[in-house]
Protein backbone atom coordinates (compact mmCIF):
# COMPACT_ATOMS: atom_id res chain seq x y z
CA MET A 1 83.45 100.33 73.80
CA LYS A 2 87.01 100.20 73.16
CA ALA A 3 89.98 99.98 75.22
CA PHE A 4 93.62 100.37 75.39
CA LEU A 5 95.62 97.96 76.72
CA LEU A 6 99.35 99.54 77.66
CA ALA A 7 102.00 96.82 77.21
CA ALA A 8 105.15 98.26 75.64
CA GLY A 9 107.29 98.92 78.74
CA HIS A 10 110.46 97.47 78.49
CA GLY A 11 109.73 95.53 81.60
CA THR A 12 113.37 96.19 83.66
CA ARG A 13 112.56 95.90 86.90
CA LEU A 14 111.37 91.73 85.74
CA ARG A 15 114.74 91.12 84.64
CA PRO A 16 115.88 88.34 83.89
CA TYR A 17 111.97 87.58 83.31
CA THR A 18 111.44 89.99 80.63
CA ASP A 19 114.87 88.76 79.29
CA SER A 20 113.45 87.15 76.19
CA THR A 21 109.87 87.33 76.67
CA PRO A 22 107.49 90.65 76.97
CA LYS A 23 106.34 91.48 80.18
CA CYS A 24 102.62 91.31 78.78
CA LEU A 25 103.03 87.28 78.21
CA LEU A 26 104.63 86.44 81.38
CA PRO A 27 102.32 83.45 83.10
CA ILE A 28 100.56 83.99 86.30
CA ARG A 29 100.03 81.04 87.53
CA GLY A 30 100.16 79.17 83.85
CA VAL A 31 98.03 81.61 82.35
CA PRO A 32 100.14 85.02 80.18
CA ILE A 33 98.55 88.11 81.75
CA LEU A 34 97.73 89.46 78.01
CA GLU A 35 95.26 86.25 77.56
CA ILE A 36 93.74 87.26 81.12
CA TRP A 37 93.30 90.97 80.35
CA LEU A 38 91.59 90.00 76.99
CA SER A 39 89.32 87.30 79.04
CA LEU A 40 88.43 90.65 81.28
CA CYS A 41 87.94 92.53 78.03
CA ARG A 42 85.12 89.94 76.92
CA ARG A 43 83.38 89.87 80.30
CA LEU A 44 82.85 93.39 79.62
CA GLY A 45 81.36 93.38 76.63
CA ILE A 46 84.96 94.92 74.92
CA ALA A 47 84.53 94.43 70.62
CA GLU A 48 87.91 96.09 70.25
CA VAL A 49 91.66 96.26 71.76
CA LEU A 50 94.49 98.52 70.73
CA VAL A 51 97.53 96.90 72.26
CA ASN A 52 100.61 98.24 72.02
CA THR A 53 104.10 96.84 72.22
CA HIS A 54 107.94 97.74 72.16
CA ALA A 55 110.16 94.72 73.35
CA HIS A 56 109.85 91.72 71.77
CA ALA A 57 107.23 92.71 69.54
CA SER A 58 106.96 89.83 67.64
CA ALA A 59 106.43 87.55 70.21
CA VAL A 60 102.89 89.81 71.08
CA MET A 61 101.85 89.42 67.87
CA ASN A 62 102.61 86.01 67.08
CA PHE A 63 100.45 85.54 70.63
CA VAL A 64 96.77 87.50 69.47
CA ARG A 65 97.38 85.59 65.95
CA ARG A 66 96.98 82.21 67.56
CA GLY A 67 94.74 83.28 70.22
CA LYS A 68 90.85 82.62 70.11
CA ASN A 69 88.92 85.61 72.51
CA GLY A 70 86.03 86.58 70.03
CA ILE A 71 87.90 90.21 70.22
CA HIS A 72 89.22 92.20 67.14
CA VAL A 73 92.90 93.32 68.35
CA THR A 74 94.60 95.58 67.22
CA VAL A 75 98.78 95.70 67.95
CA VAL A 76 100.34 98.62 67.30
CA GLU A 77 104.69 98.57 67.39
CA GLU A 78 106.23 101.41 69.13
CA HIS A 79 109.64 101.37 67.70
CA GLU A 80 110.65 104.71 69.89
CA LEU A 81 108.03 104.39 73.07
CA PHE A 82 105.43 107.18 72.46
CA GLY A 83 105.03 107.49 76.83
CA SER A 84 101.41 106.11 77.90
CA ALA A 85 99.88 109.21 77.25
CA GLY A 86 101.59 109.65 73.57
CA THR A 87 100.14 106.19 72.58
CA LEU A 88 96.52 107.56 73.39
CA LEU A 89 97.36 110.65 71.71
CA ALA A 90 99.29 108.86 68.17
CA ASN A 91 95.93 106.82 68.46
CA ARG A 92 93.23 109.41 69.31
CA GLU A 93 91.69 108.56 65.41
CA TRP A 94 91.20 105.12 66.99
CA VAL A 95 88.32 106.44 69.16
CA THR A 96 87.32 109.35 67.55
CA ARG A 97 83.47 108.40 67.14
CA ASP A 98 84.01 107.18 71.14
CA ASP A 99 82.70 109.55 74.06
CA LYS A 100 84.42 106.93 76.10
CA PHE A 101 87.13 104.27 76.31
CA TRP A 102 88.95 101.78 78.22
CA VAL A 103 92.67 102.56 79.56
CA PHE A 104 94.34 99.40 81.16
CA TYR A 105 97.79 99.13 82.15
CA ALA A 106 98.63 95.54 80.94
CA ASP A 107 101.08 95.14 83.97
CA VAL A 108 98.26 95.49 86.36
CA LEU A 109 96.55 92.14 87.45
CA THR A 110 92.97 92.28 88.80
CA CYS A 111 89.46 90.19 89.15
CA ALA A 112 87.70 93.66 89.98
CA ASP A 113 84.21 93.72 89.04
CA LEU A 114 84.93 96.83 86.07
CA ASN A 115 80.92 96.92 84.85
CA SER A 116 79.95 98.28 88.36
CA MET A 117 82.85 100.95 87.68
CA LEU A 118 81.39 101.65 84.04
CA HIS A 119 78.03 102.04 85.99
CA PHE A 120 79.69 104.34 88.26
CA HIS A 121 81.24 106.53 85.23
CA SER A 122 79.55 110.01 84.62
CA PRO A 123 79.62 111.79 81.03
CA CYS A 124 80.33 115.23 82.82
CA HIS A 125 84.25 113.84 83.46
CA ALA A 126 87.24 113.59 81.90
CA ALA A 127 87.69 109.91 83.34
CA THR A 128 86.92 107.95 85.83
CA LEU A 129 89.85 106.40 87.79
CA GLY A 130 90.02 102.98 89.10
CA VAL A 131 91.68 103.38 92.76
CA TYR A 132 92.76 100.63 95.56
CA SER A 133 94.44 101.18 99.15
CA VAL A 134 98.12 100.75 99.19
CA PRO A 135 100.86 99.94 101.98
CA ASP A 136 103.28 101.68 99.91
CA PRO A 137 101.92 105.09 98.91
CA GLN A 138 105.51 106.75 98.21
CA ARG A 139 105.61 103.83 95.14
CA CYS A 140 102.48 104.88 93.23
CA GLY A 141 100.16 107.74 91.83
CA ILE A 142 98.18 108.87 95.13
CA VAL A 143 94.81 110.34 94.58
CA THR A 144 92.80 112.57 97.28
CA VAL A 145 89.02 112.85 96.83
CA ASP A 146 86.22 114.33 98.48
CA ALA A 147 83.07 113.40 99.90
CA SER A 148 81.48 112.97 96.00
CA ASP A 149 84.56 110.71 95.31
CA ILE A 150 85.83 113.92 92.92
CA ILE A 151 90.06 113.88 92.61
CA VAL A 152 91.32 116.59 94.22
CA ASP A 153 94.87 115.91 94.14
CA PHE A 154 96.79 113.13 92.17
CA VAL A 155 100.43 113.07 92.93
CA GLU A 156 102.75 110.63 91.15
CA LYS A 157 105.27 109.15 93.65
CA PRO A 158 104.93 111.45 96.30
CA ALA A 159 107.68 111.77 99.00
CA ALA A 160 104.56 113.10 101.39
CA PRO A 161 101.59 111.13 100.32
CA SER A 162 98.34 112.67 102.00
CA SER A 163 96.41 109.28 101.24
CA ASN A 164 96.78 106.08 100.51
CA LEU A 165 94.61 105.61 97.52
CA ALA A 166 96.45 104.57 94.65
CA PHE A 167 95.17 104.69 90.72
CA ALA A 168 95.09 101.15 89.78
CA GLY A 169 96.32 101.43 86.13
CA ILE A 170 92.27 101.29 85.17
CA MET A 171 90.86 104.27 83.77
CA ILE A 172 87.69 105.10 81.82
CA GLY A 173 89.25 107.86 79.36
CA THR A 174 86.97 110.19 77.28
CA GLN A 175 87.78 113.06 74.81
CA LYS A 176 88.18 115.45 77.34
CA LEU A 177 91.51 113.31 78.61
CA LEU A 178 92.54 112.91 75.81
CA ASN A 179 92.06 116.66 75.11
CA ALA A 180 94.62 117.53 78.21
CA ILE A 181 97.56 115.31 76.65
CA PRO A 182 100.64 117.64 76.08
CA GLU A 183 102.25 117.43 72.74
CA LYS A 184 105.49 116.15 73.85
CA PRO A 185 108.12 112.91 73.46
CA GLY A 186 107.23 110.31 76.14
CA ALA A 187 104.20 111.71 77.52
CA ASP A 188 103.06 110.13 80.48
CA ILE A 189 99.69 109.39 81.57
CA ALA A 190 100.41 109.82 85.51
CA PHE A 191 103.06 112.57 85.38
CA ASP A 192 101.25 114.82 82.17
CA VAL A 193 97.92 113.82 82.48
CA LEU A 194 96.17 113.37 85.22
CA PRO A 195 97.48 116.22 87.30
CA ARG A 196 95.69 118.17 84.46
CA LEU A 197 92.55 117.06 85.48
CA ILE A 198 91.99 117.05 89.02
CA GLY A 199 88.26 118.53 89.95
CA ARG A 200 87.46 116.74 86.89
CA MET A 201 87.75 113.11 87.48
CA ARG A 202 85.99 110.66 89.71
CA ALA A 203 87.80 107.71 91.90
CA TYR A 204 86.18 104.36 91.84
CA PRO A 205 87.20 102.37 94.87
CA ILE A 206 88.00 98.66 94.02
CA SER A 207 88.20 96.13 97.21
CA ASP A 208 88.56 93.23 94.77
CA TYR A 209 92.15 91.69 94.24
CA VAL A 210 94.92 94.21 92.32
CA LEU A 211 98.72 93.79 91.97
CA ASP A 212 100.91 95.90 90.20
CA ILE A 213 103.22 92.81 88.73
CA GLY A 214 105.96 95.56 87.62
CA THR A 215 108.44 93.62 89.86
CA ARG A 216 109.87 90.58 90.87
CA GLU A 217 108.98 90.60 94.00
CA ASN A 218 105.21 91.20 93.18
CA TYR A 219 105.42 88.94 90.17
CA GLU A 220 106.31 86.41 92.05
CA THR A 221 104.00 87.46 95.00
CA ALA A 222 101.09 86.91 92.00
CA GLN A 223 102.31 83.39 91.42
CA ARG A 224 100.33 82.58 95.43
CA THR A 225 98.00 84.98 95.56
CA TRP A 226 96.05 85.37 92.10
CA PRO A 227 92.27 83.98 92.72
CA GLY A 228 91.83 83.87 89.18
CA LEU A 229 89.37 84.10 86.80
CA GLN A 230 85.95 82.73 87.56
CA GLY A 231 83.28 81.06 85.35
CA ASP A 232 84.79 82.33 82.16
CA LEU A 233 83.34 81.99 78.61
CA GLN A 234 85.03 79.52 76.17
CA PRO A 235 87.37 81.02 74.02
CA ARG A 236 86.47 82.22 70.34
CA GLU A 237 88.22 83.38 67.74
CA VAL A 238 90.52 86.69 67.84
CA LEU A 239 90.25 88.75 64.79
CA LEU A 240 93.58 90.81 64.22
CA ASP A 241 95.03 93.91 62.85
CA HIS A 242 98.34 95.10 62.56
C-alpha cells in the first residue's frame, strides 16, 4: 500500500515553534514527527509515501534526503495550498492502480495498531476513518455511527455535537473517496468530502494514544505524555523523489 502524509499546513497556531521549522519536523521528545510517521509506515509495510509541503519546504526535502527508513518518499511542494482533499486529487495518478491507500494527517501523533484498522476495512466502503473519544468535540470533526460502525453523520466542528467520537486524521481511502472530491480550490477532506460519503464509510475506534499537536498547548502536552514507539526496526535507506 501507499500513503499520503499531509504535511503542508502553515502551523500558525504553533508559532513561534513554526517560525523557522515546518510543523512536521517539530520534535516530539527529540524525534521529529515526520520521522515517527515514517517509522509507523515501515511497521505497516508501506513501501511508498507521498509527503506534501508548503512552508519551509526545503527543510522537509533536506530531512527526507538524509533519512534512512527503507521507504520510497515522494516530496511534493505546493506553492499554493491545494487543501487536504485537493492534494489527493492533484496526485490521483499516483494511486490510480490502487484499490486502497492510507491518508495520514502529519500533525497527529499516535502509536495505534493500524494493522488492525487495515483488517477492519471493507472494500465495499469508500473509506474507513480512525476515530477516538475527545473531551472537546466542538473543536473536531465528529462522527455518529450505527450498530455496524457505519458512519451515519459527519460534521466538522459542530456547534451541538451529536457524539464525542472524532476523526483522528487517520484514514483508509479508495477510488470512491477520490471520486467524491469536488473540483474547487482548497477542497478540504472534512468540510467538502466526508459529508458526501455518509453511509458509505466505517469508523474504526482507536483506544491507543492519539493527539493532534496542531496547537501550542497540545504540542507541549505531547512532550510530557508521548509514550514513544516500542520495538521499532533499525532505520534503513530512504529513496527520494521530488
